[in-house]
Amino acid sequence: MQLSPVLSELAQYPFARLDDWKAEAAATGLELIDFGMGDPREVTPAFIRETLASSIEAVSSYPRATGLPELRDAIAGWIGRRYAVDVDPAREIVPTLGSKEAIFSFAQVVLGDKRLVAVPEPAYPVYERGALFAGGSVVTVPLSEQNGWLPDLNAFDAWDEIALFWVCYPNNPTGAVAPLSFYEELAARAREHGFVLCSDEAYSELWFDEPPVSALQVEDRTNVAVFNTLSKRSSMTGYRSGFVCAPPDLCDALRAFRPTVGTAPQEFVQRASVAAWSDDAHVEDVRALYRRKRETLLPALEERGLRLAGSEATFYLWCDVGGPSEEFARRLLGHGVVVAPGSFFGAAGEGYARFALVPTQAECERAATILREVL
């Protein structure tokens, strides 16, 4: 039996390695405080859970890839409130099973004669893996602290060869944000050279000072596809509900592709999602929770000499750890504190570590005490 050569050639998924480390530590009797994975532990708001429960029908049916019209309308309504941008819910929005599967499969829809995909580094690994499993090739675009964790567009020279250029702002793992001028420049290059600007905006609602802008706000969205999700803004990771907003021709291609792979949220999840996208007050509560956790943990890190190296938004603290990131992470793990080494996000992440502010407030307070003692 032969398996995909892509699968055999890929390194182990970084967070599977982290799971192995955690299992080893837990086996010794350590009680772990897990800042490693970006999986919110906050309670999903009651009105969302109640909407889901009341939407479960006695007879179950396959969900349609187009999504419920009321869900597309709710997403378009949120985009209009949040960004003052009008999108056509029938032609420019495709509901997805969260954003991860949509990001992974996007290259399968878009790659044609051009097979090259540009991905940032450090970055969420799914951009690269989706390209490789689609038979594409990857060129990495380094991000650096000196450039505000933005790619240097003038240093990139493969514009005519690429089919997709992935960006993620607010950024995972660094927490950096991008100005609208950056999106305008990249969107102009996308139109000129015939590629798609793919913007992963899963953390758009987790900010502390000013709300981040979106690639949806560029003057001409002809070659722009934006991915977002309820996972972070509404503490709904397990619901798997997100969307792609793109020009009609791209959405038509997605609607043609997606029934083949069966990726649409269950209708009761879609109805819960309508409630979530239609309400903004609960998101303010979510931001307040993460702000309090940030204010609890960050002083402990800074007191012990760690420097914040980004993190204007998201629920991540991206810190310069002054040395090898895996060594730093293993040292903290020995004291029950789990963090993600920057090297897990690519070579450009070496020397940094990511703290995901997903443990409870009480756990964050306990972790701050531990960090003050061991760093």
Protein backbone atom coordinates (compact mmCIF):
# COMPACT_ATOMS: atom_id res chain seq x y z
CA MET A 1 0.00 0.00 0.00
CA GLN A 2 1.34 3.42 -0.96
CA LEU A 3 0.43 6.63 0.82
CA SER A 4 0.65 10.22 -0.35
CA PRO A 5 4.30 11.24 -0.70
CA VAL A 6 3.32 14.67 0.62
CA LEU A 7 2.19 13.08 3.86
CA SER A 8 5.37 11.05 4.24
CA GLU A 9 7.62 14.00 3.46
CA LEU A 10 5.96 16.46 5.84
CA ALA A 11 7.41 16.92 9.28
CA GLN A 12 5.13 16.05 12.16
CA TYR A 13 2.44 18.68 12.67
CA PRO A 14 4.04 20.98 15.24
CA PHE A 15 1.19 20.89 17.71
CA ALA A 16 1.12 17.10 17.59
CA ARG A 17 4.68 17.33 18.94
CA LEU A 18 3.45 19.67 21.63
CA ASP A 19 0.76 17.14 22.55
CA ASP A 20 3.48 14.50 22.93
CA TRP A 21 5.46 16.79 25.23
CA LYS A 22 2.38 17.49 27.32
CA ALA A 23 1.57 13.79 27.64
CA GLU A 24 5.11 13.09 28.87
CA ALA A 25 4.89 15.89 31.43
CA ALA A 26 1.42 14.90 32.64
CA ALA A 27 2.61 11.32 33.11
CA THR A 28 5.02 12.58 35.76
CA GLY A 29 2.11 14.01 37.75
CA LEU A 30 2.53 17.66 36.71
CA GLU A 31 -0.63 19.75 36.56
CA LEU A 32 -0.37 21.67 33.31
CA ILE A 33 -1.45 25.22 32.50
CA ASP A 34 -1.75 25.17 28.72
CA PHE A 35 -0.84 28.33 26.81
CA GLY A 36 0.21 26.24 23.81
CA MET A 37 -2.82 25.80 21.58
CA GLY A 38 -5.05 28.68 20.54
CA ASP A 39 -8.22 26.91 21.66
CA PRO A 40 -10.43 29.21 23.77
CA ARG A 41 -11.68 27.75 27.04
CA GLU A 42 -14.27 30.46 27.54
CA VAL A 43 -17.95 29.58 27.79
CA THR A 44 -19.86 29.93 24.52
CA PRO A 45 -22.53 32.58 25.21
CA ALA A 46 -25.82 31.09 26.38
CA PHE A 47 -27.94 32.64 23.62
CA ILE A 48 -25.78 30.89 20.99
CA ARG A 49 -26.05 27.51 22.73
CA GLU A 50 -29.78 27.96 23.18
CA THR A 51 -30.25 28.81 19.51
CA LEU A 52 -28.32 25.71 18.51
CA ALA A 53 -30.35 23.44 20.80
CA SER A 54 -33.68 24.83 19.63
CA SER A 55 -32.64 24.37 15.98
CA ILE A 56 -32.10 20.60 16.16
CA GLU A 57 -34.84 18.97 14.12
CA ALA A 58 -36.20 15.45 14.56
CA VAL A 59 -35.16 14.61 10.99
CA SER A 60 -31.59 15.34 9.93
CA SER A 61 -30.74 16.46 6.40
CA TYR A 62 -27.51 17.10 4.54
CA PRO A 63 -26.52 20.77 4.73
CA ARG A 64 -26.14 22.52 1.37
CA ALA A 65 -22.78 23.96 0.41
CA THR A 66 -24.33 27.35 -0.33
CA GLY A 67 -25.31 27.75 3.31
CA LEU A 68 -28.59 29.09 4.63
CA PRO A 69 -29.60 32.45 3.11
CA GLU A 70 -30.14 33.88 6.59
CA LEU A 71 -26.58 32.95 7.55
CA ARG A 72 -25.14 34.65 4.47
CA ASP A 73 -27.28 37.68 5.28
CA ALA A 74 -26.03 37.74 8.89
CA ILE A 75 -22.40 37.56 7.77
CA ALA A 76 -22.94 40.36 5.24
CA GLY A 77 -24.64 42.40 7.96
CA TRP A 78 -21.68 41.95 10.28
CA ILE A 79 -19.23 42.95 7.52
CA GLY A 80 -21.29 46.07 6.89
CA ARG A 81 -21.40 47.04 10.57
CA ARG A 82 -17.76 46.23 11.24
CA TYR A 83 -16.06 47.54 8.11
CA ALA A 84 -18.69 49.73 6.36
CA VAL A 85 -18.34 47.47 3.31
CA ASP A 86 -21.31 46.24 1.27
CA VAL A 87 -21.07 42.66 0.01
CA ASP A 88 -23.66 40.62 -1.85
CA PRO A 89 -24.61 37.75 0.49
CA ALA A 90 -25.87 35.60 -2.38
CA ARG A 91 -22.84 36.01 -4.64
CA GLU A 92 -19.85 36.91 -2.44
CA ILE A 93 -20.17 34.77 0.70
CA VAL A 94 -19.69 31.03 1.19
CA PRO A 95 -20.22 29.61 4.72
CA THR A 96 -17.50 27.14 5.70
CA LEU A 97 -16.77 24.47 8.28
CA GLY A 98 -14.69 26.88 10.34
CA SER A 99 -11.83 28.58 8.52
CA LYS A 100 -9.14 25.88 8.76
CA GLU A 101 -10.69 23.48 6.24
CA ALA A 102 -11.48 26.35 3.89
CA ILE A 103 -7.90 27.60 4.07
CA PHE A 104 -6.52 24.09 3.53
CA SER A 105 -8.72 23.30 0.53
CA PHE A 106 -8.56 26.69 -1.18
CA ALA A 107 -5.49 25.82 -3.24
CA GLN A 108 -7.34 22.81 -4.68
CA VAL A 109 -9.84 25.22 -6.21
CA VAL A 110 -7.53 27.99 -7.36
CA LEU A 111 -4.28 26.38 -8.53
CA GLY A 112 -4.20 26.09 -12.32
CA ASP A 113 -1.26 26.65 -14.64
CA LYS A 114 0.50 28.56 -11.90
CA ARG A 115 1.35 26.20 -9.02
CA LEU A 116 3.33 28.43 -6.66
CA VAL A 117 1.89 29.66 -3.36
CA ALA A 118 3.49 32.37 -1.22
CA VAL A 119 3.17 31.83 2.54
CA PRO A 120 4.50 33.97 5.38
CA GLU A 121 7.01 32.74 7.95
CA PRO A 122 6.48 32.47 10.89
CA ALA A 123 2.93 31.31 10.22
CA TYR A 124 0.08 28.94 10.82
CA PRO A 125 1.23 25.75 9.03
CA VAL A 126 -2.03 25.07 7.17
CA TYR A 127 -1.30 27.54 4.34
CA GLU A 128 1.75 25.53 3.33
CA ARG A 129 0.18 22.14 3.86
CA GLY A 130 -2.90 22.99 1.84
CA ALA A 131 -0.72 24.08 -1.08
CA LEU A 132 1.42 20.94 -0.98
CA PHE A 133 -1.52 18.53 -0.80
CA ALA A 134 -3.03 20.36 -3.80
CA GLY A 135 0.11 19.59 -5.78
CA GLY A 136 1.50 23.09 -5.52
CA SER A 137 4.87 24.43 -4.49
CA VAL A 138 5.57 26.91 -1.73
CA VAL A 139 7.77 29.97 -1.49
CA THR A 140 8.15 31.40 2.01
CA VAL A 141 7.99 35.12 2.64
CA PRO A 142 9.90 35.98 5.80
CA LEU A 143 8.36 38.29 8.39
CA SER A 144 10.65 40.17 10.72
CA GLU A 145 10.19 42.18 13.86
CA GLN A 146 12.19 45.01 12.26
CA ASN A 147 9.49 45.33 9.59
CA GLY A 148 6.61 45.12 12.05
CA TRP A 149 6.01 41.46 11.11
CA LEU A 150 4.86 42.58 7.66
CA PRO A 151 6.31 41.01 4.50
CA ASP A 152 8.72 43.20 2.55
CA LEU A 153 6.82 43.32 -0.72
CA ASN A 154 9.69 45.02 -2.53
CA ALA A 155 12.02 42.14 -1.65
CA PHE A 156 9.69 39.53 -3.15
CA ASP A 157 10.37 38.75 -6.81
CA ALA A 158 8.09 35.86 -7.82
CA TRP A 159 4.97 37.91 -8.52
CA ASP A 160 4.30 36.43 -11.96
CA GLU A 161 4.74 32.83 -10.78
CA ILE A 162 2.41 32.77 -7.78
CA ALA A 163 -1.25 31.81 -7.75
CA LEU A 164 -1.91 32.70 -4.08
CA PHE A 165 -0.31 35.02 -1.55
CA TRP A 166 -1.36 34.25 2.04
CA VAL A 167 -1.41 36.86 4.79
CA CYS A 168 -2.81 36.74 8.32
CA TYR A 169 -3.58 39.91 10.28
CA PRO A 170 -4.04 40.27 13.16
CA ASN A 171 -1.19 37.83 12.90
CA ASN A 172 -0.83 34.35 14.27
CA PRO A 173 1.64 33.89 15.94
CA THR A 174 3.01 37.42 16.42
CA GLY A 175 -0.16 39.40 17.15
CA ALA A 176 0.92 42.13 14.71
CA VAL A 177 -1.62 44.16 12.74
CA ALA A 178 -1.47 45.50 9.18
CA PRO A 179 -2.43 48.96 7.89
CA LEU A 180 -4.92 49.39 5.07
CA SER A 181 -2.10 50.73 2.87
CA PHE A 182 -0.45 47.31 3.03
CA TYR A 183 -3.60 45.58 1.80
CA GLU A 184 -4.06 48.18 -0.95
CA GLU A 185 -0.52 47.64 -2.23
CA LEU A 186 -0.81 43.85 -2.13
CA ALA A 187 -4.25 43.90 -3.77
CA ALA A 188 -2.87 46.10 -6.57
CA ARG A 189 -0.06 43.61 -7.15
CA ALA A 190 -2.61 40.78 -7.17
CA ARG A 191 -4.58 42.48 -9.93
CA GLU A 192 -1.45 43.32 -11.91
CA HIS A 193 0.08 39.85 -11.73
CA GLY A 194 -3.04 37.70 -11.65
CA PHE A 195 -2.92 36.01 -8.24
CA VAL A 196 -5.31 35.91 -5.28
CA LEU A 197 -4.61 37.80 -2.08
CA CYS A 198 -5.79 35.37 0.62
CA SER A 199 -6.35 37.06 3.96
CA ASP A 200 -6.85 34.92 7.07
CA GLU A 201 -8.63 37.21 9.56
CA ALA A 202 -9.60 34.72 12.26
CA TYR A 203 -8.43 37.13 15.01
CA SER A 204 -10.03 40.29 13.64
CA GLU A 205 -12.19 40.86 16.74
CA LEU A 206 -9.55 40.30 19.43
CA TRP A 207 -7.86 43.66 19.85
CA PHE A 208 -6.90 45.95 22.72
CA ASP A 209 -6.59 49.53 21.44
CA GLU A 210 -7.88 50.10 17.91
CA PRO A 211 -9.98 47.69 15.82
CA PRO A 212 -7.83 46.24 13.02
CA VAL A 213 -8.68 46.88 9.39
CA SER A 214 -9.57 44.16 6.88
CA ALA A 215 -8.54 43.31 3.34
CA LEU A 216 -12.26 43.69 2.61
CA GLN A 217 -11.77 47.44 2.88
CA VAL A 218 -9.52 47.81 -0.17
CA GLU A 219 -10.91 49.95 -2.95
CA ASP A 220 -10.92 47.08 -5.47
CA ARG A 221 -11.60 43.56 -4.13
CA THR A 222 -11.31 41.88 -7.54
CA ASN A 223 -8.51 39.48 -6.49
CA VAL A 224 -9.15 39.34 -2.73
CA ALA A 225 -10.46 36.42 -0.67
CA VAL A 226 -11.02 36.89 3.07
CA PHE A 227 -11.47 34.03 5.55
CA ASN A 228 -13.01 34.51 8.98
CA THR A 229 -14.56 32.37 11.70
CA LEU A 230 -16.65 32.44 14.85
CA SER A 231 -14.10 30.31 16.69
CA LYS A 232 -12.25 33.14 18.41
CA ARG A 233 -14.71 36.05 18.48
CA SER A 234 -17.54 33.95 19.93
CA SER A 235 -15.64 31.12 21.68
CA MET A 236 -17.09 28.62 19.22
CA THR A 237 -14.10 26.53 18.11
CA GLY A 238 -16.01 23.25 18.35
CA TYR A 239 -18.92 24.53 16.28
CA ARG A 240 -16.74 24.82 13.14
CA SER A 241 -18.38 27.79 11.51
CA GLY A 242 -16.75 30.41 9.34
CA PHE A 243 -16.94 31.97 5.90
CA VAL A 244 -15.07 32.99 2.77
CA CYS A 245 -15.87 36.39 1.28
CA ALA A 246 -14.59 36.67 -2.27
CA PRO A 247 -15.55 37.94 -5.73
CA PRO A 248 -18.49 36.15 -7.36
CA ASP A 249 -16.38 34.07 -9.76
CA LEU A 250 -14.30 32.69 -6.89
CA CYS A 251 -17.41 31.99 -4.82
CA ASP A 252 -18.98 30.22 -7.80
CA ALA A 253 -15.91 27.97 -7.99
CA LEU A 254 -16.10 27.25 -4.26
CA ARG A 255 -19.79 26.40 -4.48
CA ALA A 256 -19.02 24.01 -7.34
CA PHE A 257 -16.19 22.35 -5.39
CA ARG A 258 -17.53 22.10 -1.89
CA PRO A 259 -20.44 19.65 -2.38
CA THR A 260 -17.86 17.10 -3.56
CA VAL A 261 -16.07 17.16 -0.21
CA GLY A 262 -19.16 17.72 1.93
CA THR A 263 -17.85 20.67 3.89
CA ALA A 264 -20.75 22.75 5.20
CA PRO A 265 -21.79 23.35 8.80
CA GLN A 266 -24.83 21.44 10.03
CA GLU A 267 -27.95 23.57 9.74
CA PHE A 268 -28.40 23.79 13.51
CA VAL A 269 -24.84 25.16 13.71
CA GLN A 270 -25.63 27.60 10.93
CA ARG A 271 -28.66 28.88 12.86
CA ALA A 272 -26.54 29.32 15.97
CA SER A 273 -24.06 31.16 13.76
CA VAL A 274 -26.77 33.55 12.60
CA ALA A 275 -27.30 34.50 16.23
CA ALA A 276 -23.56 34.91 16.82
CA TRP A 277 -22.84 37.08 13.77
CA SER A 278 -25.91 39.21 14.53
CA ASP A 279 -24.73 40.19 18.03
CA ASP A 280 -21.72 42.37 18.81
CA ALA A 281 -22.16 42.90 22.55
CA HIS A 282 -20.89 39.45 23.52
CA VAL A 283 -17.68 40.09 21.55
CA GLU A 284 -16.94 43.11 23.73
CA ASP A 285 -17.21 40.78 26.73
CA VAL A 286 -14.78 38.34 25.09
CA ARG A 287 -12.26 41.12 24.48
CA ALA A 288 -12.53 42.18 28.12
CA LEU A 289 -11.76 38.64 29.28
CA TYR A 290 -8.60 38.46 27.19
CA ARG A 291 -7.55 41.96 28.19
CA ARG A 292 -7.70 40.94 31.86
CA LYS A 293 -5.65 37.81 31.21
CA ARG A 294 -3.09 39.85 29.28
CA GLU A 295 -2.82 42.32 32.15
CA THR A 296 -2.28 39.39 34.53
CA LEU A 297 0.42 37.52 32.62
CA LEU A 298 2.36 40.19 30.75
CA PRO A 299 3.82 41.98 33.82
CA ALA A 300 5.22 38.68 35.11
CA LEU A 301 6.97 38.04 31.79
CA GLU A 302 8.35 41.55 31.53
CA GLU A 303 9.55 41.53 35.15
CA ARG A 304 11.61 38.46 34.34
CA GLY A 305 13.24 40.01 31.29
CA LEU A 306 11.08 38.73 28.45
CA ARG A 307 10.28 41.35 25.83
CA LEU A 308 6.94 41.59 24.06
CA ALA A 309 7.72 41.53 20.33
CA GLY A 310 4.32 42.25 18.75
CA SER A 311 0.91 41.36 20.15
CA GLU A 312 -1.04 44.51 19.32
CA ALA A 313 -4.03 42.21 18.84
CA THR A 314 -5.12 38.53 19.08
CA PHE A 315 -5.01 36.57 22.34
CA TYR A 316 -1.33 35.77 21.86
CA LEU A 317 1.69 37.12 23.66
CA TRP A 318 4.67 36.79 21.30
CA CYS A 319 7.83 37.16 23.35
CA ASP A 320 11.52 37.38 22.63
CA VAL A 321 12.94 34.65 24.88
CA GLY A 322 16.60 35.48 24.24
CA GLY A 323 17.62 31.99 23.10
CA PRO A 324 16.49 28.69 21.55
CA SER A 325 12.71 28.59 21.65
CA GLU A 326 12.29 24.83 22.13
CA GLU A 327 14.73 24.86 25.02
CA PHE A 328 12.74 27.68 26.61
CA ALA A 329 9.44 25.83 26.11
CA ARG A 330 10.77 22.57 27.54
CA ARG A 331 12.12 24.41 30.57
CA LEU A 332 8.72 25.98 31.32
CA LEU A 333 7.01 22.67 30.69
CA GLY A 334 9.09 21.22 33.50
CA HIS A 335 7.25 23.64 35.80
CA GLY A 336 3.81 22.89 34.37
CA VAL A 337 3.51 25.87 31.99
CA VAL A 338 2.91 24.96 28.34
CA VAL A 339 3.91 27.43 25.60
CA ALA A 340 4.50 27.10 21.84
CA PRO A 341 8.10 27.51 20.69
CA GLY A 342 8.48 30.08 17.91
CA SER A 343 10.33 27.50 15.82
CA PHE A 344 7.05 25.60 15.45
CA PHE A 345 5.93 28.38 13.10
CA GLY A 346 9.01 28.26 10.89
CA ALA A 347 12.66 29.24 11.08
CA ALA A 348 11.81 32.94 11.28
CA GLY A 349 10.08 32.27 14.60
CA GLU A 350 13.21 31.01 16.31
CA GLY A 351 14.11 32.95 19.44
CA TYR A 352 10.48 33.69 20.28
CA ALA A 353 7.68 31.89 22.13
CA ARG A 354 3.90 32.22 21.89
CA PHE A 355 1.63 32.31 24.93
CA ALA A 356 -2.04 31.75 23.99
CA LEU A 357 -4.20 33.41 26.65
CA VAL A 358 -6.74 30.60 26.68
CA PRO A 359 -6.44 29.17 30.23
CA THR A 360 -8.88 30.48 32.83
CA GLN A 361 -8.24 33.71 34.71
CA ALA A 362 -7.36 31.69 37.83
CA GLU A 363 -4.88 29.61 35.83
CA CYS A 364 -3.31 32.78 34.39
CA GLU A 365 -2.85 34.12 37.92
CA ARG A 366 -1.25 30.86 39.02
CA ALA A 367 0.99 30.84 35.93
CA ALA A 368 2.13 34.41 36.64
CA THR A 369 3.28 33.27 40.09
CA ILE A 370 5.15 30.31 38.61
CA LEU A 371 6.82 32.46 35.95
CA ARG A 372 8.04 34.96 38.51
CA GLU A 373 9.62 32.07 40.41
CA VAL A 374 11.27 30.13 37.58
CA LEU A 375 12.31 32.65 34.91
